[in-house]
PDB file of N, CA and C in Angstrom:
ATOM      1  N   MET A   1       4.245  10.342  39.990  1.00  0.00           N
ATOM      2  CA  MET A   1       4.741  10.593  41.343  1.00  0.00           C
ATOM      3  C   MET A   1       6.216  10.977  41.254  1.00  0.00           C
ATOM      4  N   THR A   2       6.619  11.950  42.003  1.00  0.00           N
ATOM      5  CA  THR A   2       8.008  12.394  41.973  1.00  0.00           C
ATOM      6  C   THR A   2       8.889  11.453  42.767  1.00  0.00           C
ATOM      7  N   SER A   3      10.191  11.561  42.534  1.00  0.00           N
ATOM      8  CA  SER A   3      11.116  10.695  43.253  1.00  0.00           C
ATOM      9  C   SER A   3      11.096  10.985  44.750  1.00  0.00           C
ATOM     10  N   THR A   4      10.837  12.242  45.136  1.00  0.00           N
ATOM     11  CA  THR A   4      10.746  12.580  46.559  1.00  0.00           C
ATOM     12  C   THR A   4       9.587  11.834  47.205  1.00  0.00           C
ATOM     13  N   ASN A   5       8.423  11.840  46.550  1.00  0.00           N
ATOM     14  CA  ASN A   5       7.274  11.118  47.088  1.00  0.00           C
ATOM     15  C   ASN A   5       7.542   9.623  47.134  1.00  0.00           C
ATOM     16  N   SER A   6       8.161   9.101  46.081  1.00  0.00           N
ATOM     17  CA  SER A   6       8.492   7.679  46.046  1.00  0.00           C
ATOM     18  C   SER A   6       9.467   7.339  47.159  1.00  0.00           C
ATOM     19  N   SER A   7      10.433   8.214  47.372  1.00  0.00           N
ATOM     20  CA  SER A   7      11.417   7.989  48.415  1.00  0.00           C
ATOM     21  C   SER A   7      10.744   7.958  49.795  1.00  0.00           C
ATOM     22  N   PHE A   8       9.845   8.893  50.049  1.00  0.00           N
ATOM     23  CA  PHE A   8       9.133   8.924  51.322  1.00  0.00           C
ATOM     24  C   PHE A   8       8.302   7.650  51.479  1.00  0.00           C
ATOM     25  N   ARG A   9       7.574   7.290  50.440  1.00  0.00           N
ATOM     26  CA  ARG A   9       6.749   6.078  50.466  1.00  0.00           C
ATOM     27  C   ARG A   9       7.616   4.850  50.745  1.00  0.00           C
ATOM     28  N   ASP A  10       8.740   4.758  50.070  1.00  0.00           N
ATOM     29  CA  ASP A  10       9.629   3.607  50.265  1.00  0.00           C
ATOM     30  C   ASP A  10      10.174   3.561  51.695  1.00  0.00           C
ATOM     31  N   LYS A  11      10.477   4.728  52.263  1.00  0.00           N
ATOM     32  CA  LYS A  11      10.933   4.774  53.656  1.00  0.00           C
ATOM     33  C   LYS A  11       9.829   4.280  54.595  1.00  0.00           C
ATOM     34  N   VAL A  12       8.593   4.685  54.313  1.00  0.00           N
ATOM     35  CA  VAL A  12       7.457   4.219  55.124  1.00  0.00           C
ATOM     36  C   VAL A  12       7.362   2.697  55.039  1.00  0.00           C
ATOM     37  N   TYR A  13       7.412   2.160  53.828  1.00  0.00           N
ATOM     38  CA  TYR A  13       7.336   0.707  53.644  1.00  0.00           C
ATOM     39  C   TYR A  13       8.433   0.000  54.436  1.00  0.00           C
ATOM     40  N   GLU A  14       9.661   0.505  54.329  1.00  0.00           N
ATOM     41  CA  GLU A  14      10.789  -0.113  55.018  1.00  0.00           C
ATOM     42  C   GLU A  14      10.598  -0.105  56.536  1.00  0.00           C
ATOM     43  N   LEU A  15      10.118   0.998  57.052  1.00  0.00           N
ATOM     44  CA  LEU A  15       9.928   1.129  58.496  1.00  0.00           C
ATOM     45  C   LEU A  15       8.799   0.232  58.991  1.00  0.00           C
ATOM     46  N   VAL A  16       7.675   0.230  58.291  1.00  0.00           N
ATOM     47  CA  VAL A  16       6.542  -0.609  58.693  1.00  0.00           C
ATOM     48  C   VAL A  16       6.938  -2.082  58.664  1.00  0.00           C
ATOM     49  N   ALA A  17       7.733  -2.478  57.702  1.00  0.00           N
ATOM     50  CA  ALA A  17       8.176  -3.872  57.593  1.00  0.00           C
ATOM     51  C   ALA A  17       8.978  -4.315  58.819  1.00  0.00           C
ATOM     52  N   GLN A  18       9.580  -3.369  59.525  1.00  0.00           N
ATOM     53  CA  GLN A  18      10.422  -3.681  60.681  1.00  0.00           C
ATOM     54  C   GLN A  18       9.659  -3.795  62.003  1.00  0.00           C
ATOM     55  N   ILE A  19       8.423  -3.334  62.058  1.00  0.00           N
ATOM     56  CA  ILE A  19       7.695  -3.322  63.331  1.00  0.00           C
ATOM     57  C   ILE A  19       7.496  -4.762  63.794  1.00  0.00           C
ATOM     58  N   PRO A  20       8.009  -5.109  64.969  1.00  0.00           N
ATOM     59  CA  PRO A  20       7.894  -6.484  65.435  1.00  0.00           C
ATOM     60  C   PRO A  20       6.465  -6.858  65.849  1.00  0.00           C
ATOM     61  N   GLU A  21       6.168  -8.115  65.730  1.00  0.00           N
ATOM     62  CA  GLU A  21       4.868  -8.634  66.155  1.00  0.00           C
ATOM     63  C   GLU A  21       4.646  -8.280  67.623  1.00  0.00           C
ATOM     64  N   GLY A  22       3.433  -7.855  67.939  1.00  0.00           N
ATOM     65  CA  GLY A  22       3.086  -7.509  69.313  1.00  0.00           C
ATOM     66  C   GLY A  22       3.434  -6.094  69.714  1.00  0.00           C
ATOM     67  N   ARG A  23       3.975  -5.307  68.777  1.00  0.00           N
ATOM     68  CA  ARG A  23       4.331  -3.907  69.045  1.00  0.00           C
ATOM     69  C   ARG A  23       3.633  -3.018  68.020  1.00  0.00           C
ATOM     70  N   VAL A  24       3.602  -1.715  68.273  1.00  0.00           N
ATOM     71  CA  VAL A  24       2.952  -0.769  67.366  1.00  0.00           C
ATOM     72  C   VAL A  24       3.808   0.476  67.185  1.00  0.00           C
ATOM     73  N   MET A  25       3.520   1.197  66.105  1.00  0.00           N
ATOM     74  CA  MET A  25       4.071   2.525  65.873  1.00  0.00           C
ATOM     75  C   MET A  25       2.890   3.415  65.513  1.00  0.00           C
ATOM     76  N   THR A  26       3.082   4.727  65.619  1.00  0.00           N
ATOM     77  CA  THR A  26       2.020   5.653  65.236  1.00  0.00           C
ATOM     78  C   THR A  26       2.308   6.217  63.852  1.00  0.00           C
ATOM     79  N   TYR A  27       1.231   6.711  63.211  1.00  0.00           N
ATOM     80  CA  TYR A  27       1.378   7.346  61.904  1.00  0.00           C
ATOM     81  C   TYR A  27       2.357   8.519  61.997  1.00  0.00           C
ATOM     82  N   GLY A  28       2.219   9.325  63.049  1.00  0.00           N
ATOM     83  CA  GLY A  28       3.088  10.478  63.225  1.00  0.00           C
ATOM     84  C   GLY A  28       4.529  10.102  63.497  1.00  0.00           C
ATOM     85  N   GLN A  29       4.724   9.072  64.264  1.00  0.00           N
ATOM     86  CA  GLN A  29       6.067   8.583  64.559  1.00  0.00           C
ATOM     87  C   GLN A  29       6.749   8.131  63.269  1.00  0.00           C
ATOM     88  N   ILE A  30       6.018   7.406  62.445  1.00  0.00           N
ATOM     89  CA  ILE A  30       6.570   6.943  61.173  1.00  0.00           C
ATOM     90  C   ILE A  30       6.902   8.138  60.285  1.00  0.00           C
ATOM     91  N   ALA A  31       5.992   9.107  60.210  1.00  0.00           N
ATOM     92  CA  ALA A  31       6.233  10.298  59.399  1.00  0.00           C
ATOM     93  C   ALA A  31       7.512  11.012  59.853  1.00  0.00           C
ATOM     94  N   ALA A  32       7.657  11.189  61.157  1.00  0.00           N
ATOM     95  CA  ALA A  32       8.840  11.878  61.689  1.00  0.00           C
ATOM     96  C   ALA A  32      10.116  11.105  61.387  1.00  0.00           C
ATOM     97  N   LEU A  33      10.095   9.798  61.592  1.00  0.00           N
ATOM     98  CA  LEU A  33      11.286   8.991  61.325  1.00  0.00           C
ATOM     99  C   LEU A  33      11.639   8.940  59.845  1.00  0.00           C
ATOM    100  N   CYS A  34      10.663   9.209  58.996  1.00  0.00           N
ATOM    101  CA  CYS A  34      10.905   9.233  57.545  1.00  0.00           C
ATOM    102  C   CYS A  34      11.236  10.628  57.049  1.00  0.00           C
ATOM    103  N   GLY A  35      11.361  11.587  57.972  1.00  0.00           N
ATOM    104  CA  GLY A  35      11.816  12.921  57.611  1.00  0.00           C
ATOM    105  C   GLY A  35      10.746  13.975  57.401  1.00  0.00           C
ATOM    106  N   SER A  36       9.479  13.642  57.637  1.00  0.00           N
ATOM    107  CA  SER A  36       8.391  14.616  57.444  1.00  0.00           C
ATOM    108  C   SER A  36       7.428  14.563  58.622  1.00  0.00           C
ATOM    109  N   PRO A  37       7.788  15.197  59.748  1.00  0.00           N
ATOM    110  CA  PRO A  37       6.996  15.076  60.971  1.00  0.00           C
ATOM    111  C   PRO A  37       5.530  15.501  60.864  1.00  0.00           C
ATOM    112  N   GLN A  38       5.191  16.321  59.886  1.00  0.00           N
ATOM    113  CA  GLN A  38       3.803  16.770  59.734  1.00  0.00           C
ATOM    114  C   GLN A  38       3.000  15.902  58.764  1.00  0.00           C
ATOM    115  N   ALA A  39       3.548  14.780  58.338  1.00  0.00           N
ATOM    116  CA  ALA A  39       2.937  13.986  57.267  1.00  0.00           C
ATOM    117  C   ALA A  39       2.223  12.724  57.754  1.00  0.00           C
ATOM    118  N   SER A  40       1.664  12.759  58.950  1.00  0.00           N
ATOM    119  CA  SER A  40       1.008  11.551  59.458  1.00  0.00           C
ATOM    120  C   SER A  40      -0.178  11.127  58.587  1.00  0.00           C
ATOM    121  N   ARG A  41      -0.916  12.087  58.050  1.00  0.00           N
ATOM    122  CA  ARG A  41      -2.049  11.740  57.173  1.00  0.00           C
ATOM    123  C   ARG A  41      -1.566  11.127  55.865  1.00  0.00           C
ATOM    124  N   ILE A  42      -0.431  11.592  55.402  1.00  0.00           N
ATOM    125  CA  ILE A  42       0.142  10.999  54.192  1.00  0.00           C
ATOM    126  C   ILE A  42       0.541   9.554  54.468  1.00  0.00           C
ATOM    127  N   VAL A  43       1.110   9.298  55.646  1.00  0.00           N
ATOM    128  CA  VAL A  43       1.441   7.924  56.024  1.00  0.00           C
ATOM    129  C   VAL A  43       0.170   7.078  56.041  1.00  0.00           C
ATOM    130  N   GLY A  44      -0.930   7.632  56.546  1.00  0.00           N
ATOM    131  CA  GLY A  44      -2.205   6.920  56.534  1.00  0.00           C
ATOM    132  C   GLY A  44      -2.655   6.574  55.127  1.00  0.00           C
ATOM    133  N   GLY A  45      -2.479   7.505  54.194  1.00  0.00           N
ATOM    134  CA  GLY A  45      -2.824   7.246  52.802  1.00  0.00           C
ATOM    135  C   GLY A  45      -1.941   6.177  52.193  1.00  0.00           C
ATOM    136  N   ILE A  46      -0.665   6.226  52.521  1.00  0.00           N
ATOM    137  CA  ILE A  46       0.261   5.206  52.035  1.00  0.00           C
ATOM    138  C   ILE A  46      -0.148   3.841  52.582  1.00  0.00           C
ATOM    139  N   ALA A  47      -0.541   3.810  53.842  1.00  0.00           N
ATOM    140  CA  ALA A  47      -0.977   2.546  54.454  1.00  0.00           C
ATOM    141  C   ALA A  47      -2.230   2.019  53.763  1.00  0.00           C
ATOM    142  N   HIS A  48      -3.156   2.907  53.462  1.00  0.00           N
ATOM    143  CA  HIS A  48      -4.422   2.497  52.853  1.00  0.00           C
ATOM    144  C   HIS A  48      -4.209   1.862  51.477  1.00  0.00           C
ATOM    145  N   PHE A  49      -3.265   2.381  50.720  1.00  0.00           N
ATOM    146  CA  PHE A  49      -3.036   1.893  49.365  1.00  0.00           C
ATOM    147  C   PHE A  49      -1.772   1.056  49.230  1.00  0.00           C
ATOM    148  N   GLY A  50      -1.089   0.808  50.340  1.00  0.00           N
ATOM    149  CA  GLY A  50       0.187   0.101  50.296  1.00  0.00           C
ATOM    150  C   GLY A  50       0.063  -1.402  50.140  1.00  0.00           C
ATOM    151  N   PRO A  51       1.202  -2.058  49.994  1.00  0.00           N
ATOM    152  CA  PRO A  51       1.214  -3.510  49.821  1.00  0.00           C
ATOM    153  C   PRO A  51       0.562  -4.232  51.006  1.00  0.00           C
ATOM    154  N   ALA A  52      -0.275  -5.185  50.696  1.00  0.00           N
ATOM    155  CA  ALA A  52      -1.016  -5.907  51.738  1.00  0.00           C
ATOM    156  C   ALA A  52      -0.123  -6.823  52.569  1.00  0.00           C
ATOM    157  N   ASP A  53       1.071  -7.117  52.099  1.00  0.00           N
ATOM    158  CA  ASP A  53       1.941  -8.031  52.832  1.00  0.00           C
ATOM    159  C   ASP A  53       2.738  -7.349  53.944  1.00  0.00           C
ATOM    160  N   LEU A  54       2.570  -6.038  54.106  1.00  0.00           N
ATOM    161  CA  LEU A  54       3.230  -5.340  55.211  1.00  0.00           C
ATOM    162  C   LEU A  54       2.312  -5.349  56.434  1.00  0.00           C
ATOM    163  N   PRO A  55       2.888  -5.297  57.640  1.00  0.00           N
ATOM    164  CA  PRO A  55       2.076  -5.375  58.861  1.00  0.00           C
ATOM    165  C   PRO A  55       1.420  -4.051  59.243  1.00  0.00           C
ATOM    166  N   TRP A  56       0.535  -3.557  58.386  1.00  0.00           N
ATOM    167  CA  TRP A  56      -0.141  -2.280  58.633  1.00  0.00           C
ATOM    168  C   TRP A  56      -0.959  -2.308  59.910  1.00  0.00           C
ATOM    169  N   GLN A  57      -1.388  -3.484  60.363  1.00  0.00           N
ATOM    170  CA  GLN A  57      -2.164  -3.576  61.598  1.00  0.00           C
ATOM    171  C   GLN A  57      -1.369  -3.061  62.793  1.00  0.00           C
ATOM    172  N   ARG A  58      -0.077  -2.957  62.672  1.00  0.00           N
ATOM    173  CA  ARG A  58       0.783  -2.498  63.765  1.00  0.00           C
ATOM    174  C   ARG A  58       0.943  -0.987  63.786  1.00  0.00           C
ATOM    175  N   VAL A  59       0.217  -0.295  62.923  1.00  0.00           N
ATOM    176  CA  VAL A  59       0.266   1.175  62.878  1.00  0.00           C
ATOM    177  C   VAL A  59      -1.054   1.705  63.432  1.00  0.00           C
ATOM    178  N   VAL A  60      -0.939   2.574  64.442  1.00  0.00           N
ATOM    179  CA  VAL A  60      -2.116   3.113  65.128  1.00  0.00           C
ATOM    180  C   VAL A  60      -2.003   4.631  65.249  1.00  0.00           C
ATOM    181  N   MET A  61      -3.068   5.257  65.714  1.00  0.00           N
ATOM    182  CA  MET A  61      -3.041   6.708  65.941  1.00  0.00           C
ATOM    183  C   MET A  61      -2.244   7.026  67.206  1.00  0.00           C
ATOM    184  N   LYS A  62      -1.884   8.286  67.359  1.00  0.00           N
ATOM    185  CA  LYS A  62      -0.992   8.682  68.457  1.00  0.00           C
ATOM    186  C   LYS A  62      -1.562   8.410  69.840  1.00  0.00           C
ATOM    187  N   ASN A  63      -2.875   8.330  69.965  1.00  0.00           N
ATOM    188  CA  ASN A  63      -3.497   8.047  71.257  1.00  0.00           C
ATOM    189  C   ASN A  63      -3.784   6.554  71.451  1.00  0.00           C
ATOM    190  N   GLY A  64      -3.292   5.732  70.524  1.00  0.00           N
ATOM    191  CA  GLY A  64      -3.500   4.292  70.622  1.00  0.00           C
ATOM    192  C   GLY A  64      -4.761   3.789  69.947  1.00  0.00           C
ATOM    193  N   ARG A  65      -5.566   4.713  69.403  1.00  0.00           N
ATOM    194  CA  ARG A  65      -6.804   4.297  68.715  1.00  0.00           C
ATOM    195  C   ARG A  65      -6.465   3.574  67.423  1.00  0.00           C
ATOM    196  N   LEU A  66      -7.326   2.644  67.069  1.00  0.00           N
ATOM    197  CA  LEU A  66      -7.173   1.918  65.819  1.00  0.00           C
ATOM    198  C   LEU A  66      -7.818   2.706  64.690  1.00  0.00           C
ATOM    199  N   ALA A  67      -7.340   2.473  63.487  1.00  0.00           N
ATOM    200  CA  ALA A  67      -7.836   3.210  62.324  1.00  0.00           C
ATOM    201  C   ALA A  67      -9.106   2.583  61.771  1.00  0.00           C
ATOM    202  N   ALA A  68     -10.076   3.406  61.479  1.00  0.00           N
ATOM    203  CA  ALA A  68     -11.333   2.941  60.901  1.00  0.00           C
ATOM    204  C   ALA A  68     -11.168   2.558  59.439  1.00  0.00           C
ATOM    205  N   GLY A  69     -10.153   3.094  58.754  1.00  0.00           N
ATOM    206  CA  GLY A  69      -9.944   2.811  57.344  1.00  0.00           C
ATOM    207  C   GLY A  69      -9.288   1.472  57.067  1.00  0.00           C
ATOM    208  N   PHE A  70      -9.016   0.727  58.102  1.00  0.00           N
ATOM    209  CA  PHE A  70      -8.393  -0.591  57.960  1.00  0.00           C
ATOM    210  C   PHE A  70      -9.414  -1.567  57.370  1.00  0.00           C
ATOM    211  N   PRO A  71      -8.996  -2.537  56.552  1.00  0.00           N
ATOM    212  CA  PRO A  71      -9.959  -3.527  56.043  1.00  0.00           C
ATOM    213  C   PRO A  71     -10.720  -4.187  57.195  1.00  0.00           C
ATOM    214  N   GLY A  72     -12.028  -4.167  57.111  1.00  0.00           N
ATOM    215  CA  GLY A  72     -12.840  -4.679  58.207  1.00  0.00           C
ATOM    216  C   GLY A  72     -13.081  -3.644  59.286  1.00  0.00           C
ATOM    217  N   GLY A  73     -12.618  -2.402  59.042  1.00  0.00           N
ATOM    218  CA  GLY A  73     -12.795  -1.333  60.015  1.00  0.00           C
ATOM    219  C   GLY A  73     -12.012  -1.586  61.290  1.00  0.00           C
ATOM    220  N   LYS A  74     -12.406  -0.921  62.343  1.00  0.00           N
ATOM    221  CA  LYS A  74     -11.711  -1.065  63.625  1.00  0.00           C
ATOM    222  C   LYS A  74     -11.789  -2.500  64.136  1.00  0.00           C
ATOM    223  N   ARG A  75     -12.892  -3.163  63.879  1.00  0.00           N
ATOM    224  CA  ARG A  75     -13.053  -4.552  64.328  1.00  0.00           C
ATOM    225  C   ARG A  75     -12.014  -5.455  63.648  1.00  0.00           C
ATOM    226  N   GLY A  76     -11.819  -5.268  62.341  1.00  0.00           N
ATOM    227  CA  GLY A  76     -10.810  -6.048  61.619  1.00  0.00           C
ATOM    228  C   GLY A  76      -9.408  -5.730  62.087  1.00  0.00           C
ATOM    229  N   HIS A  77      -9.159  -4.451  62.342  1.00  0.00           N
ATOM    230  CA  HIS A  77      -7.858  -4.017  62.841  1.00  0.00           C
ATOM    231  C   HIS A  77      -7.588  -4.675  64.195  1.00  0.00           C
ATOM    232  N   ALA A  78      -8.570  -4.637  65.074  1.00  0.00           N
ATOM    233  CA  ALA A  78      -8.425  -5.236  66.405  1.00  0.00           C
ATOM    234  C   ALA A  78      -8.190  -6.740  66.311  1.00  0.00           C
ATOM    235  N   ALA A  79      -8.915  -7.406  65.439  1.00  0.00           N
ATOM    236  CA  ALA A  79      -8.784  -8.858  65.306  1.00  0.00           C
ATOM    237  C   ALA A  79      -7.369  -9.240  64.897  1.00  0.00           C
ATOM    238  N   MET A  80      -6.784  -8.494  63.960  1.00  0.00           N
ATOM    239  CA  MET A  80      -5.416  -8.806  63.526  1.00  0.00           C
ATOM    240  C   MET A  80      -4.416  -8.584  64.651  1.00  0.00           C
ATOM    241  N   LEU A  81      -4.578  -7.502  65.402  1.00  0.00           N
ATOM    242  CA  LEU A  81      -3.672  -7.250  66.523  1.00  0.00           C
ATOM    243  C   LEU A  81      -3.821  -8.311  67.612  1.00  0.00           C
ATOM    244  N   LYS A  82      -5.040  -8.706  67.868  1.00  0.00           N
ATOM    245  CA  LYS A  82      -5.278  -9.717  68.904  1.00  0.00           C
ATOM    246  C   LYS A  82      -4.617 -11.044  68.554  1.00  0.00           C
ATOM    247  N   THR A  83      -4.540 -11.389  67.269  1.00  0.00           N
ATOM    248  CA  THR A  83      -3.863 -12.633  66.881  1.00  0.00           C
ATOM    249  C   THR A  83      -2.375 -12.575  67.196  1.00  0.00           C
ATOM    250  N   GLU A  84      -1.844 -11.355  67.374  1.00  0.00           N
ATOM    251  CA  GLU A  84      -0.439 -11.173  67.727  1.00  0.00           C
ATOM    252  C   GLU A  84      -0.248 -11.024  69.234  1.00  0.00           C
ATOM    253  N   GLY A  85      -1.331 -11.155  69.980  1.00  0.00           N
ATOM    254  CA  GLY A  85      -1.246 -11.045  71.431  1.00  0.00           C
ATOM    255  C   GLY A  85      -1.375  -9.633  71.962  1.00  0.00           C
ATOM    256  N   VAL A  86      -1.764  -8.699  71.111  1.00  0.00           N
ATOM    257  CA  VAL A  86      -1.937  -7.302  71.536  1.00  0.00           C
ATOM    258  C   VAL A  86      -3.334  -7.135  72.121  1.00  0.00           C
ATOM    259  N   GLY A  87      -3.399  -6.597  73.318  1.00  0.00           N
ATOM    260  CA  GLY A  87      -4.687  -6.308  73.936  1.00  0.00           C
ATOM    261  C   GLY A  87      -5.311  -5.071  73.319  1.00  0.00           C
ATOM    262  N   VAL A  88      -6.590  -5.175  73.000  1.00  0.00           N
ATOM    263  CA  VAL A  88      -7.325  -4.047  72.427  1.00  0.00           C
ATOM    264  C   VAL A  88      -8.556  -3.821  73.295  1.00  0.00           C
ATOM    265  N   SER A  89      -8.757  -2.589  73.745  1.00  0.00           N
ATOM    266  CA  SER A  89      -9.884  -2.270  74.620  1.00  0.00           C
ATOM    267  C   SER A  89     -11.197  -2.278  73.848  1.00  0.00           C
ATOM    268  N   ASP A  90     -12.294  -2.238  74.584  1.00  0.00           N
ATOM    269  CA  ASP A  90     -13.622  -2.222  73.975  1.00  0.00           C
ATOM    270  C   ASP A  90     -13.852  -0.986  73.097  1.00  0.00           C
ATOM    271  N   ASP A  91     -13.108   0.094  73.372  1.00  0.00           N
ATOM    272  CA  ASP A  91     -13.250   1.288  72.536  1.00  0.00           C
ATOM    273  C   ASP A  91     -12.133   1.360  71.473  1.00  0.00           C
ATOM    274  N   TYR A  92     -11.565   0.200  71.159  1.00  0.00           N
ATOM    275  CA  TYR A  92     -10.589   0.044  70.071  1.00  0.00           C
ATOM    276  C   TYR A  92      -9.335   0.887  70.264  1.00  0.00           C
ATOM    277  N   ARG A  93      -8.719   0.685  71.410  1.00  0.00           N
ATOM    278  CA  ARG A  93      -7.433   1.319  71.718  1.00  0.00           C
ATOM    279  C   ARG A  93      -6.446   0.259  72.177  1.00  0.00           C
ATOM    280  N   VAL A  94      -5.179   0.544  71.931  1.00  0.00           N
ATOM    281  CA  VAL A  94      -4.109  -0.280  72.481  1.00  0.00           C
ATOM    282  C   VAL A  94      -3.373   0.560  73.517  1.00  0.00           C
ATOM    283  N   ASP A  95      -2.645  -0.096  74.402  1.00  0.00           N
ATOM    284  CA  ASP A  95      -1.854   0.610  75.414  1.00  0.00           C
ATOM    285  C   ASP A  95      -0.592   1.135  74.739  1.00  0.00           C
ATOM    286  N   ILE A  96      -0.675   2.338  74.226  1.00  0.00           N
ATOM    287  CA  ILE A  96       0.414   2.916  73.453  1.00  0.00           C
ATOM    288  C   ILE A  96       1.697   3.033  74.281  1.00  0.00           C
ATOM    289  N   ASP A  97       1.575   3.303  75.571  1.00  0.00           N
ATOM    290  CA  ASP A  97       2.764   3.438  76.418  1.00  0.00           C
ATOM    291  C   ASP A  97       3.515   2.120  76.551  1.00  0.00           C
ATOM    292  N   ALA A  98       2.797   1.025  76.602  1.00  0.00           N
ATOM    293  CA  ALA A  98       3.427  -0.282  76.771  1.00  0.00           C
ATOM    294  C   ALA A  98       3.881  -0.895  75.450  1.00  0.00           C
ATOM    295  N   LEU A  99       3.234  -0.551  74.355  1.00  0.00           N
ATOM    296  CA  LEU A  99       3.461  -1.256  73.093  1.00  0.00           C
ATOM    297  C   LEU A  99       4.240  -0.481  72.042  1.00  0.00           C
ATOM    298  N   LEU A 100       4.466   0.817  72.263  1.00  0.00           N
ATOM    299  CA  LEU A 100       5.129   1.636  71.247  1.00  0.00           C
ATOM    300  C   LEU A 100       6.554   1.125  70.984  1.00  0.00           C
ATOM    301  N   TRP A 101       6.868   0.959  69.731  1.00  0.00           N
ATOM    302  CA  TRP A 101       8.179   0.463  69.325  1.00  0.00           C
ATOM    303  C   TRP A 101       8.968   1.549  68.620  1.00  0.00           C
ATOM    304  N   TRP A 102      10.247   1.639  68.952  1.00  0.00           N
ATOM    305  CA  TRP A 102      11.161   2.556  68.287  1.00  0.00           C
ATOM    306  C   TRP A 102      12.300   1.748  67.680  1.00  0.00           C
ATOM    307  N   PRO A 103      12.624   1.955  66.411  1.00  0.00           N
ATOM    308  CA  PRO A 103      13.743   1.228  65.821  1.00  0.00           C
ATOM    309  C   PRO A 103      15.055   1.709  66.427  1.00  0.00           C
ATOM    310  N   GLU A 104      16.007   0.841  66.414  1.00  0.00           N
ATOM    311  CA  GLU A 104      17.332   1.206  66.986  1.00  0.00           C
ATOM    312  C   GLU A 104      18.222   1.853  65.963  1.00  0.00           C
TER     313      GLU A 104
END
Protein backbone atom coordinates (compact mmCIF):
# COMPACT_ATOMS: atom_id res chain seq x y z
CA MET A 1 0.00 0.00 0.00
CA THR A 2 1.34 3.43 -0.84
CA SER A 3 1.82 6.17 1.70
CA THR A 4 -1.03 8.13 0.07
CA ASN A 5 -3.44 5.24 0.63
CA SER A 6 -2.15 4.77 4.16
CA SER A 7 -2.55 8.46 4.82
CA PHE A 8 -6.16 8.42 3.58
CA ARG A 9 -6.91 5.30 5.63
CA ASP A 10 -5.37 6.87 8.73
CA LYS A 11 -7.44 10.03 8.23
CA VAL A 12 -10.58 7.87 8.00
CA TYR A 13 -9.64 6.07 11.22
CA GLU A 14 -9.00 9.37 13.01
CA LEU A 15 -12.30 10.86 11.89
CA VAL A 16 -14.40 7.78 12.71
CA ALA A 17 -12.83 7.66 16.18
CA GLN A 18 -14.21 11.16 16.83
CA ILE A 19 -17.88 10.48 16.01
CA PRO A 20 -19.76 10.94 19.29
CA GLU A 21 -22.13 8.32 20.64
CA GLY A 22 -25.67 8.87 19.37
CA ARG A 23 -24.53 10.67 16.20
CA VAL A 24 -23.64 9.48 12.68
CA MET A 25 -21.55 10.45 9.67
CA THR A 26 -21.90 9.27 6.08
CA TYR A 27 -19.33 7.42 4.00
CA GLY A 28 -19.31 10.32 1.54
CA GLN A 29 -18.96 12.93 4.24
CA ILE A 30 -15.96 11.10 5.66
CA ALA A 31 -14.41 10.76 2.19
CA ALA A 32 -14.84 14.49 1.53
CA LEU A 33 -13.42 15.51 4.91
CA CYS A 34 -10.42 13.25 4.26
CA GLY A 35 -9.74 14.98 0.95
CA SER A 36 -11.32 12.58 -1.58
CA PRO A 37 -15.00 13.46 -2.08
CA GLN A 38 -15.55 10.67 -4.63
CA ALA A 39 -14.13 7.93 -2.38
CA SER A 40 -17.18 6.91 -0.35
CA ARG A 41 -16.88 3.28 -1.51
CA ILE A 42 -13.25 3.26 -0.48
CA VAL A 43 -14.31 4.48 2.96
CA GLY A 44 -16.76 1.56 3.04
CA GLY A 45 -13.93 -0.84 2.25
CA ILE A 46 -11.77 0.70 4.94
CA ALA A 47 -14.65 0.30 7.39
CA HIS A 48 -15.15 -3.34 6.42
CA PHE A 49 -11.52 -4.25 7.06
CA GLY A 50 -10.70 -1.62 9.69
CA PRO A 51 -9.99 -1.99 13.39
CA ALA A 52 -12.97 -3.39 15.29
CA ASP A 53 -12.45 -0.98 18.19
CA LEU A 54 -13.58 2.03 16.13
CA PRO A 55 -17.27 3.04 16.17
CA TRP A 56 -18.05 1.94 12.60
CA GLN A 57 -21.72 1.56 13.58
CA ARG A 58 -21.89 5.36 13.49
CA VAL A 59 -21.17 5.43 9.74
CA VAL A 60 -24.20 5.22 7.46
CA MET A 61 -25.14 5.85 3.83
CA LYS A 62 -26.02 9.36 2.66
CA ASN A 63 -29.76 8.67 2.87
CA GLY A 64 -29.49 7.35 6.43
CA ARG A 65 -29.65 3.68 5.42
CA LEU A 66 -27.58 1.21 7.37
CA ALA A 67 -24.90 -0.85 5.66
CA ALA A 68 -25.60 -4.49 4.90
CA GLY A 69 -21.87 -5.31 5.08
CA PHE A 70 -21.79 -4.62 8.81
CA PRO A 71 -21.22 -7.67 11.07
CA GLY A 72 -24.66 -9.13 11.62
CA GLY A 73 -25.93 -7.25 8.57
CA LYS A 74 -28.37 -4.39 8.89
CA ARG A 75 -29.92 -6.00 11.96
CA GLY A 76 -26.54 -6.03 13.75
CA HIS A 77 -25.85 -2.48 12.65
CA ALA A 78 -29.23 -1.35 13.98
CA ALA A 79 -28.75 -3.17 17.29
CA MET A 80 -25.44 -1.40 17.95
CA LEU A 81 -26.92 2.01 17.15
CA LYS A 82 -29.96 1.35 19.32
CA THR A 83 -27.70 0.64 22.32
CA GLU A 84 -26.47 4.23 21.86
CA GLY A 85 -30.02 5.59 21.84
CA VAL A 86 -30.22 6.07 18.07
CA GLY A 87 -33.64 5.40 16.61
CA VAL A 88 -33.63 3.06 13.63
CA SER A 89 -36.72 2.64 11.45
CA ASP A 90 -38.18 -0.70 10.39
CA ASP A 91 -36.53 -0.25 6.98
CA TYR A 92 -33.11 0.25 8.66
CA ARG A 93 -32.72 4.00 8.38
CA VAL A 94 -31.69 6.66 10.83
CA ASP A 95 -32.89 10.27 10.80
CA ILE A 96 -29.87 11.65 9.00
CA ASP A 97 -31.07 15.26 9.35
CA ALA A 98 -31.26 15.01 13.13
CA LEU A 99 -28.22 12.82 13.76
CA LEU A 100 -25.57 13.93 11.25
CA TRP A 101 -22.40 15.05 13.00
CA TRP A 102 -19.78 17.45 11.66
CA PRO A 103 -16.42 17.86 13.39
CA GLU A 104 -15.48 21.36 14.43
